[in-house]
Amino acid sequence: MTASTSDPAAGRPSTDPVIKVVDLFSGAGGISAGFREYRPQGRETSPFESLAAVEFDPAAAATYSANFGSSHVENVDIADWEPGPDLVGNVDVIMGGPPCQGFSGLGKEDPDDPRNLLWREYMRVVTTIRPKIFVLENVDRFLKSQQFADLKAATETGDLQDYTLVPKVLNAADYGVPQARRRAIVIATRKELGEPLTHPEPTHEQNSNPSQERLDSGKRLEPWVGVGPEVFSKTPIDAPDKDLPERTGAPLGVKLPGPFKTADLHIGRRPTALSLARYAVIKPGGNRHDLRGETAEIDGKEVPLSTSSWDRHNSGSGDVMGRMHEDRPSVTIRTEFYKPEKGRYLHPKADRPITHYEAALIQGFPEDFLWYGSKVEIARQIGNAVPIGLGKALAEAIHNYLSGRQA
């Protein structure tokens, strides 16, 4: 339940509520970092207090604990987690993003993928704890899935009838994030609170020429943030380090590589001679199409830089082997952002893929954020995270809503 707290910045009691949160499928803590970064006017601390965080992956759970404390972190399968009686009826917000691979357009979109059923475990916790609000984050295709249809039905005639559901697809770039990442954000509010919480209003738009609707409303939005000035102006042009520093820790009792600060993650791959030749040919803003008809001498042989498959396809994604545009937000940072054959993940100028450091900055993680895990495990944590700026916008909307409804 919300409660008053003192405000050290103002030196007097504050009516701002302490908002108690449970974070499911917490990962490295992207959404928690966004909530922690939000500061209401006149406060030096976040109004959000995490009571429990549940994460199955040991490396991600260790990262979360290193940044938000270990006392409330449960490194278990959510199916095996039972909320304690101290949580039932005492939580304001449950948030989380069940794994999305079964819904993602990048995968097979198998309706029977067992990962799709993890959202039911999320709902089991919701129906047990009965928070004031719950927020479910997933890929945009989730809103077209049978699982979402089942969720809607549960708010109409099932166990969630006392909640009002408000779904919407948000683009992180509309909230000042240097990344065009579209995510389904489903907000559910207990009906007893009155009008339901709605999604935060955008603060940015794709171009600086506002639409007529914007002009009529009198609202002026900032243009989308380019990845060049926001990220690549801060990172070295080269990525000389191929491996993480040698250190280990065990914040949750499991020995893992780490901790590493975000700046420690400026690590590169060991590309082949063919890959290096390809990178060198791709123009600013270019992609795989730049490789057509190009060759390079490798090991004494003239080798084509394109592939027959790429040459046959003029349609489809133009992001494969693409360079990021300095003046635009990046494409979605996925878990294999270090592989340019997976998307537009080449540095805008340097002949290399982006580093873990740069991907983390694009996601909004601070320089002093601590990470545990191997290179692959940390990349997965970065790619799966909710961008910090989007989490912060949700935090502000939730805080403003609950502040106006204190008991």
Protein backbone atom coordinates (compact mmCIF):
# COMPACT_ATOMS: atom_id res chain seq x y z
CA MET A 1 0.00 0.00 0.00
CA THR A 2 1.16 3.54 -0.55
CA ALA A 3 2.38 5.49 2.44
CA SER A 4 3.86 8.87 3.20
CA THR A 5 7.58 9.31 3.55
CA SER A 6 9.92 12.13 4.48
CA ASP A 7 11.62 14.14 1.78
CA PRO A 8 15.24 14.91 2.70
CA ALA A 9 15.55 17.31 -0.20
CA ALA A 10 12.72 19.48 1.04
CA GLY A 11 13.47 18.95 4.72
CA ARG A 12 9.83 18.36 5.52
CA PRO A 13 7.28 15.53 5.35
CA SER A 14 6.22 14.72 1.81
CA THR A 15 2.85 13.47 0.66
CA ASP A 16 4.55 11.60 -2.18
CA PRO A 17 3.71 7.91 -1.76
CA VAL A 18 6.19 5.10 -1.44
CA ILE A 19 5.09 2.88 -4.31
CA LYS A 20 5.76 -0.80 -3.64
CA VAL A 21 6.74 -2.89 -6.64
CA VAL A 22 7.25 -6.54 -7.60
CA ASP A 23 9.40 -7.12 -10.71
CA LEU A 24 8.77 -10.42 -12.52
CA PHE A 25 11.11 -11.70 -15.26
CA SER A 26 13.30 -8.87 -14.04
CA GLY A 27 16.34 -9.67 -16.19
CA ALA A 28 19.20 -7.27 -15.56
CA GLY A 29 16.73 -4.71 -14.25
CA GLY A 30 16.06 -2.41 -17.20
CA ILE A 31 12.60 -1.38 -16.11
CA SER A 32 13.73 -1.16 -12.46
CA ALA A 33 16.57 1.13 -13.55
CA GLY A 34 14.04 3.35 -15.31
CA PHE A 35 11.88 3.45 -12.19
CA ARG A 36 14.93 4.23 -10.04
CA GLU A 37 16.00 7.04 -12.37
CA TYR A 38 12.65 8.81 -12.08
CA ARG A 39 12.65 11.60 -9.49
CA PRO A 40 9.49 13.60 -8.78
CA GLN A 41 10.06 17.33 -8.50
CA GLY A 42 11.50 18.21 -5.10
CA ARG A 43 12.82 14.73 -4.34
CA GLU A 44 16.33 13.33 -4.55
CA THR A 45 15.24 9.70 -4.38
CA SER A 46 12.88 7.48 -6.33
CA PRO A 47 9.42 6.93 -4.83
CA PHE A 48 9.50 3.27 -5.91
CA GLU A 49 10.51 0.47 -3.54
CA SER A 50 11.08 -3.04 -4.87
CA LEU A 51 9.78 -5.75 -2.54
CA ALA A 52 10.59 -8.73 -4.75
CA ALA A 53 12.27 -9.51 -8.05
CA VAL A 54 12.08 -12.92 -9.75
CA GLU A 55 14.57 -13.97 -12.43
CA PHE A 56 15.44 -17.52 -13.56
CA ASP A 57 18.77 -16.77 -15.31
CA PRO A 58 21.61 -16.76 -12.72
CA ALA A 59 23.74 -14.15 -14.54
CA ALA A 60 20.82 -11.75 -15.02
CA ALA A 61 19.73 -12.22 -11.40
CA ALA A 62 23.30 -11.48 -10.27
CA THR A 63 23.36 -8.30 -12.35
CA TYR A 64 20.05 -7.24 -10.87
CA SER A 65 21.25 -7.90 -7.33
CA ALA A 66 24.50 -5.97 -7.86
CA ASN A 67 22.52 -2.86 -8.76
CA PHE A 68 19.36 -3.10 -6.66
CA GLY A 69 20.33 -5.27 -3.69
CA SER A 70 20.20 -9.02 -3.16
CA SER A 71 17.82 -9.33 -0.23
CA HIS A 72 14.66 -9.29 -2.36
CA VAL A 73 15.95 -11.17 -5.45
CA GLU A 74 14.65 -14.69 -6.12
CA ASN A 75 16.78 -16.61 -8.64
CA VAL A 76 14.14 -19.26 -9.34
CA ASP A 77 11.77 -20.43 -12.04
CA ILE A 78 8.65 -18.29 -11.68
CA ALA A 79 6.56 -21.48 -11.72
CA ASP A 80 8.23 -22.42 -8.44
CA TRP A 81 7.81 -19.01 -6.78
CA GLU A 82 5.00 -18.42 -4.32
CA PRO A 83 4.48 -14.84 -3.11
CA GLY A 84 4.72 -14.58 0.66
CA PRO A 85 1.77 -13.38 2.77
CA ASP A 86 3.58 -10.07 3.31
CA LEU A 87 3.08 -9.30 -0.39
CA VAL A 88 -0.59 -10.20 -0.72
CA GLY A 89 -2.59 -6.99 -0.75
CA ASN A 90 0.52 -4.90 0.01
CA VAL A 91 1.90 -4.29 -3.49
CA ASP A 92 1.01 -1.29 -5.63
CA VAL A 93 2.55 -2.37 -8.95
CA ILE A 94 3.59 -5.63 -10.56
CA MET A 95 5.65 -5.23 -13.70
CA GLY A 96 7.41 -7.59 -16.04
CA GLY A 97 8.03 -8.91 -19.52
CA PRO A 98 7.61 -12.67 -19.97
CA PRO A 99 10.00 -14.10 -22.59
CA CYS A 100 8.77 -13.11 -26.03
CA GLN A 101 10.49 -15.52 -28.42
CA GLY A 102 7.30 -17.43 -29.07
CA PHE A 103 5.53 -14.25 -30.23
CA SER A 104 8.42 -12.56 -32.03
CA GLY A 105 8.35 -12.20 -35.81
CA LEU A 106 12.03 -13.17 -35.77
CA GLY A 107 11.14 -16.67 -34.63
CA LYS A 108 8.66 -19.31 -35.76
CA GLU A 109 5.76 -17.64 -33.95
CA ASP A 110 4.72 -21.06 -32.66
CA PRO A 111 1.48 -20.71 -30.68
CA ASP A 112 2.44 -23.85 -28.77
CA ASP A 113 5.89 -22.56 -27.76
CA PRO A 114 6.08 -23.31 -24.01
CA ARG A 115 7.61 -19.89 -23.42
CA ASN A 116 4.27 -18.35 -24.40
CA LEU A 117 2.71 -19.92 -21.31
CA LEU A 118 5.02 -18.02 -18.97
CA TRP A 119 2.64 -15.10 -19.13
CA ARG A 120 0.17 -17.36 -17.29
CA GLU A 121 2.65 -17.59 -14.40
CA TYR A 122 2.77 -13.79 -14.42
CA MET A 123 -1.03 -13.75 -14.16
CA ARG A 124 -0.96 -16.34 -11.38
CA VAL A 125 1.17 -13.97 -9.32
CA VAL A 126 -1.14 -11.06 -10.17
CA THR A 127 -4.25 -12.91 -9.04
CA THR A 128 -2.48 -13.90 -5.81
CA ILE A 129 -1.04 -10.50 -4.87
CA ARG A 130 -3.84 -8.31 -6.33
CA PRO A 131 -1.82 -5.14 -6.97
CA LYS A 132 -3.41 -1.81 -7.78
CA ILE A 133 -1.75 -1.84 -11.20
CA PHE A 134 0.07 -4.37 -13.29
CA VAL A 135 2.16 -3.66 -16.37
CA LEU A 136 2.97 -6.37 -18.89
CA GLU A 137 5.63 -5.69 -21.55
CA ASN A 138 6.17 -7.75 -24.69
CA VAL A 139 6.79 -7.56 -28.42
CA ASP A 140 4.11 -5.75 -30.42
CA ARG A 141 2.83 -9.02 -31.93
CA PHE A 142 1.70 -10.13 -28.48
CA LEU A 143 -1.43 -7.99 -28.94
CA LYS A 144 -2.46 -10.22 -31.87
CA SER A 145 -1.85 -13.49 -30.04
CA GLN A 146 -4.30 -15.96 -28.54
CA GLN A 147 -2.62 -15.35 -25.20
CA PHE A 148 -3.60 -11.69 -25.27
CA ALA A 149 -7.14 -12.66 -26.27
CA ASP A 150 -7.21 -14.95 -23.22
CA LEU A 151 -5.96 -12.10 -21.03
CA LYS A 152 -8.73 -9.80 -22.29
CA ALA A 153 -11.28 -12.51 -21.61
CA ALA A 154 -10.03 -12.84 -18.04
CA THR A 155 -10.77 -9.14 -17.45
CA GLU A 156 -14.26 -9.55 -18.85
CA THR A 157 -15.53 -12.77 -17.29
CA GLY A 158 -12.59 -14.35 -15.48
CA ASP A 159 -10.30 -13.90 -12.49
CA LEU A 160 -9.30 -10.35 -13.48
CA GLN A 161 -12.77 -8.83 -13.77
CA ASP A 162 -11.88 -6.11 -11.28
CA TYR A 163 -9.17 -4.75 -13.61
CA THR A 164 -9.48 -2.47 -16.62
CA LEU A 165 -7.05 -3.33 -19.41
CA VAL A 166 -5.41 -0.64 -21.58
CA PRO A 167 -3.06 -2.03 -24.27
CA LYS A 168 -0.90 0.06 -26.58
CA VAL A 169 2.23 -0.28 -28.70
CA LEU A 170 4.84 2.29 -27.67
CA ASN A 171 8.02 3.29 -29.48
CA ALA A 172 10.94 3.98 -27.14
CA ALA A 173 12.17 6.70 -29.52
CA ASP A 174 9.03 8.70 -28.68
CA TYR A 175 10.39 9.04 -25.12
CA GLY A 176 13.86 10.31 -25.94
CA VAL A 177 15.54 6.90 -26.29
CA PRO A 178 18.06 6.76 -29.19
CA GLN A 179 16.44 3.51 -30.35
CA ALA A 180 13.33 2.85 -32.43
CA ARG A 181 12.07 -0.07 -30.36
CA ARG A 182 8.35 -0.89 -30.54
CA ARG A 183 6.91 -2.77 -27.57
CA ALA A 184 3.44 -3.73 -26.46
CA ILE A 185 2.74 -2.25 -23.04
CA VAL A 186 -0.40 -3.58 -21.38
CA ILE A 187 -1.54 -1.60 -18.34
CA ALA A 188 -4.24 -2.94 -16.04
CA THR A 189 -5.78 -0.87 -13.24
CA ARG A 190 -8.12 -1.97 -10.46
CA LYS A 191 -11.59 -0.61 -11.23
CA GLU A 192 -12.05 0.67 -7.68
CA LEU A 193 -9.44 3.36 -8.44
CA GLY A 194 -11.72 5.01 -10.98
CA GLU A 195 -10.50 6.06 -14.41
CA PRO A 196 -7.72 3.65 -15.43
CA LEU A 197 -4.10 4.60 -15.82
CA THR A 198 -3.21 5.34 -19.43
CA HIS A 199 0.11 5.31 -21.22
CA PRO A 200 2.54 8.21 -20.92
CA GLU A 201 2.31 10.88 -23.57
CA PRO A 202 5.23 10.99 -26.04
CA THR A 203 7.88 13.65 -25.52
CA HIS A 204 9.55 13.21 -28.92
CA GLU A 205 8.47 12.59 -32.51
CA GLN A 206 10.09 11.29 -35.67
CA ASN A 207 10.73 14.65 -37.28
CA SER A 208 10.80 18.24 -36.15
CA ASN A 209 7.80 19.15 -38.32
CA PRO A 210 4.80 18.52 -36.08
CA SER A 211 1.63 17.01 -37.50
CA GLN A 212 -1.48 19.12 -37.84
CA GLU A 213 -2.95 17.27 -34.88
CA ARG A 214 0.04 18.32 -32.79
CA LEU A 215 -0.26 21.91 -33.98
CA ASP A 216 -3.96 21.96 -33.12
CA SER A 217 -3.26 20.61 -29.64
CA GLY A 218 -0.57 23.21 -28.98
CA LYS A 219 1.90 20.53 -27.91
CA ARG A 220 5.45 20.78 -29.18
CA LEU A 221 7.57 17.66 -29.11
CA GLU A 222 11.31 17.29 -29.43
CA PRO A 223 12.69 15.45 -32.48
CA TRP A 224 13.86 11.88 -32.10
CA VAL A 225 17.34 11.55 -30.60
CA GLY A 226 20.12 10.45 -32.95
CA VAL A 227 22.37 7.62 -31.85
CA GLY A 228 25.51 9.46 -32.96
CA PRO A 229 25.51 12.40 -30.55
CA GLU A 230 23.88 10.40 -27.75
CA VAL A 231 26.15 7.33 -27.86
CA PHE A 232 28.97 7.22 -30.40
CA SER A 233 30.31 10.65 -29.49
CA LYS A 234 31.07 9.16 -26.04
CA THR A 235 32.73 5.87 -27.04
CA PRO A 236 36.15 5.13 -28.59
CA ILE A 237 36.17 4.67 -32.34
CA ASP A 238 38.18 1.48 -31.91
CA ALA A 239 37.31 -1.60 -29.88
CA PRO A 240 40.70 -3.10 -29.07
CA ASP A 241 39.59 -5.38 -26.25
CA LYS A 242 38.23 -8.74 -27.36
CA ASP A 243 37.53 -10.14 -23.91
CA LEU A 244 36.11 -9.00 -20.61
CA PRO A 245 38.50 -8.24 -17.74
CA GLU A 246 39.46 -11.21 -15.60
CA ARG A 247 37.41 -11.04 -12.41
CA THR A 248 34.71 -13.08 -10.71
CA GLY A 249 32.09 -12.60 -8.04
CA ALA A 250 29.13 -14.41 -6.48
CA PRO A 251 26.51 -11.92 -5.29
CA LEU A 252 23.86 -14.67 -5.09
CA GLY A 253 26.19 -17.55 -4.22
CA VAL A 254 26.94 -18.61 -7.81
CA LYS A 255 30.44 -17.77 -9.07
CA LEU A 256 30.23 -15.73 -12.29
CA PRO A 257 32.44 -13.42 -14.35
CA GLY A 258 32.13 -9.87 -13.03
CA PRO A 259 31.28 -7.39 -11.85
CA PHE A 260 31.97 -5.16 -14.85
CA LYS A 261 30.97 -1.54 -15.20
CA THR A 262 29.21 -0.57 -18.41
CA ALA A 263 32.39 1.10 -19.69
CA ASP A 264 34.24 -2.22 -19.24
CA LEU A 265 32.02 -3.68 -21.95
CA HIS A 266 33.76 -1.96 -24.88
CA ILE A 267 34.69 -5.31 -26.34
CA GLY A 268 34.78 -6.48 -29.93
CA ARG A 269 34.57 -9.69 -31.91
CA ARG A 270 37.32 -11.49 -33.76
CA PRO A 271 36.01 -11.01 -37.28
CA THR A 272 37.28 -13.06 -40.21
CA ALA A 273 39.17 -11.50 -43.08
CA LEU A 274 36.02 -11.79 -45.19
CA SER A 275 33.96 -9.92 -42.59
CA LEU A 276 36.55 -7.15 -42.33
CA ALA A 277 36.56 -6.76 -46.11
CA ARG A 278 32.77 -6.50 -46.10
CA TYR A 279 32.72 -3.89 -43.34
CA ALA A 280 35.20 -1.74 -45.27
CA VAL A 281 32.99 -1.62 -48.38
CA ILE A 282 29.70 -0.73 -46.68
CA LYS A 283 29.05 3.01 -46.99
CA PRO A 284 27.64 5.32 -44.27
CA GLY A 285 24.02 4.29 -43.83
CA GLY A 286 24.56 1.41 -46.25
CA ASN A 287 23.89 -2.32 -45.99
CA ARG A 288 24.36 -5.67 -47.74
CA HIS A 289 23.40 -4.15 -51.12
CA ASP A 290 26.73 -2.29 -51.14
CA LEU A 291 28.50 -5.65 -51.42
CA ARG A 292 27.05 -6.63 -54.80
CA GLY A 293 29.74 -7.03 -57.42
CA GLU A 294 32.51 -6.28 -54.91
CA THR A 295 35.45 -8.60 -54.34
CA ALA A 296 38.50 -8.70 -52.10
CA GLU A 297 41.74 -10.65 -52.13
CA ILE A 298 41.76 -13.04 -49.20
CA ASP A 299 44.51 -15.65 -48.75
CA GLY A 300 45.67 -15.03 -52.30
CA LYS A 301 42.23 -15.54 -53.85
CA GLU A 302 39.72 -13.03 -55.20
CA VAL A 303 36.58 -13.61 -53.18
CA PRO A 304 33.09 -12.12 -53.77
CA LEU A 305 31.89 -10.06 -50.79
CA SER A 306 28.18 -10.66 -51.33
CA THR A 307 26.41 -14.01 -51.29
CA SER A 308 24.10 -15.58 -53.85
CA SER A 309 21.30 -15.46 -51.31
CA TRP A 310 21.75 -11.73 -50.70
CA ASP A 311 22.02 -11.09 -54.45
CA ARG A 312 18.73 -12.89 -55.13
CA HIS A 313 16.75 -10.81 -52.66
CA ASN A 314 15.96 -7.19 -53.41
CA SER A 315 13.10 -7.10 -50.92
CA GLY A 316 13.12 -7.95 -47.25
CA SER A 317 15.16 -6.34 -44.54
CA GLY A 318 17.54 -3.62 -45.63
CA ASP A 319 19.20 -3.75 -42.23
CA VAL A 320 21.35 -6.85 -42.79
CA MET A 321 25.02 -5.82 -42.66
CA GLY A 322 23.82 -2.25 -42.22
CA ARG A 323 25.57 0.73 -40.67
CA MET A 324 23.69 2.72 -38.07
CA HIS A 325 22.66 6.23 -39.08
CA GLU A 326 24.29 8.79 -36.81
CA ASP A 327 21.37 11.21 -36.99
CA ARG A 328 18.63 8.66 -36.26
CA PRO A 329 17.72 6.31 -33.42
CA SER A 330 19.17 2.83 -33.78
CA VAL A 331 17.18 -0.20 -34.77
CA THR A 332 15.99 -2.45 -31.95
CA ILE A 333 18.89 -3.71 -29.86
CA ARG A 334 18.41 -7.47 -29.77
CA THR A 335 20.38 -10.14 -27.95
CA GLU A 336 22.84 -10.69 -30.84
CA PHE A 337 23.54 -7.04 -31.63
CA TYR A 338 27.22 -7.93 -32.04
CA LYS A 339 26.42 -9.82 -35.28
CA PRO A 340 25.87 -7.40 -38.19
CA GLU A 341 24.49 -10.26 -40.27
CA LYS A 342 21.50 -10.07 -37.89
CA GLY A 343 20.68 -6.40 -38.54
CA ARG A 344 21.89 -2.81 -38.74
CA TYR A 345 24.55 -3.22 -36.08
CA LEU A 346 27.67 -1.81 -37.74
CA HIS A 347 29.26 1.30 -36.20
CA PRO A 348 28.30 4.44 -38.18
CA LYS A 349 31.94 5.07 -39.14
CA ALA A 350 34.29 2.36 -37.86
CA ASP A 351 34.64 -0.95 -39.68
CA ARG A 352 33.27 -3.03 -36.82
CA PRO A 353 30.02 -4.04 -35.12
CA ILE A 354 28.84 -2.05 -32.14
CA THR A 355 30.22 -3.13 -28.78
CA HIS A 356 28.40 -4.28 -25.67
CA TYR A 357 29.22 -0.86 -24.18
CA GLU A 358 27.54 0.97 -27.04
CA ALA A 359 24.51 -1.32 -27.00
CA ALA A 360 24.09 -0.75 -23.25
CA LEU A 361 24.28 3.04 -23.76
CA ILE A 362 21.69 2.84 -26.53
CA GLN A 363 19.45 1.04 -24.05
CA GLY A 364 20.11 3.85 -21.56
CA PHE A 365 22.12 1.98 -18.92
CA PRO A 366 24.37 4.28 -16.89
CA GLU A 367 28.15 4.12 -16.99
CA ASP A 368 28.37 2.76 -13.43
CA PHE A 369 25.80 -0.02 -13.87
CA LEU A 370 27.30 -3.37 -12.84
CA TRP A 371 27.12 -6.53 -14.94
CA TYR A 372 27.70 -10.23 -14.29
CA GLY A 373 28.11 -13.01 -16.83
CA SER A 374 29.93 -14.04 -19.98
CA LYS A 375 29.95 -11.90 -23.13
CA VAL A 376 26.98 -13.83 -24.51
CA GLU A 377 25.08 -13.70 -21.20
CA ILE A 378 25.59 -9.96 -20.83
CA ALA A 379 24.56 -9.37 -24.44
CA ARG A 380 21.36 -11.28 -23.74
CA GLN A 381 20.70 -9.12 -20.67
CA ILE A 382 21.23 -5.93 -22.67
CA GLY A 383 19.04 -7.00 -25.58
CA ASN A 384 16.19 -8.25 -23.40
CA ALA A 385 16.01 -5.12 -21.25
CA VAL A 386 13.31 -2.47 -21.37
CA PRO A 387 15.04 0.78 -22.42
CA ILE A 388 15.67 2.95 -19.37
CA GLY A 389 13.97 6.00 -20.88
CA LEU A 390 10.77 4.05 -21.55
CA GLY A 391 10.81 2.63 -18.01
CA LYS A 392 11.26 6.13 -16.62
CA ALA A 393 8.28 7.43 -18.61
CA LEU A 394 6.11 4.59 -17.27
CA ALA A 395 7.35 5.33 -13.74
CA GLU A 396 6.32 8.96 -14.01
CA ALA A 397 2.85 8.06 -15.29
CA ILE A 398 2.33 5.52 -12.49
CA HIS A 399 3.63 7.89 -9.81
CA ASN A 400 1.40 10.76 -10.96
CA TYR A 401 -1.62 8.48 -11.11
CA LEU A 402 -1.18 6.92 -7.66
CA SER A 403 -0.16 10.23 -6.05
CA GLY A 404 -3.57 11.58 -6.94
CA ARG A 405 -5.30 8.58 -5.37
CA GLN A 406 -3.72 8.33 -1.93
CA ALA A 407 -5.77 6.93 0.85
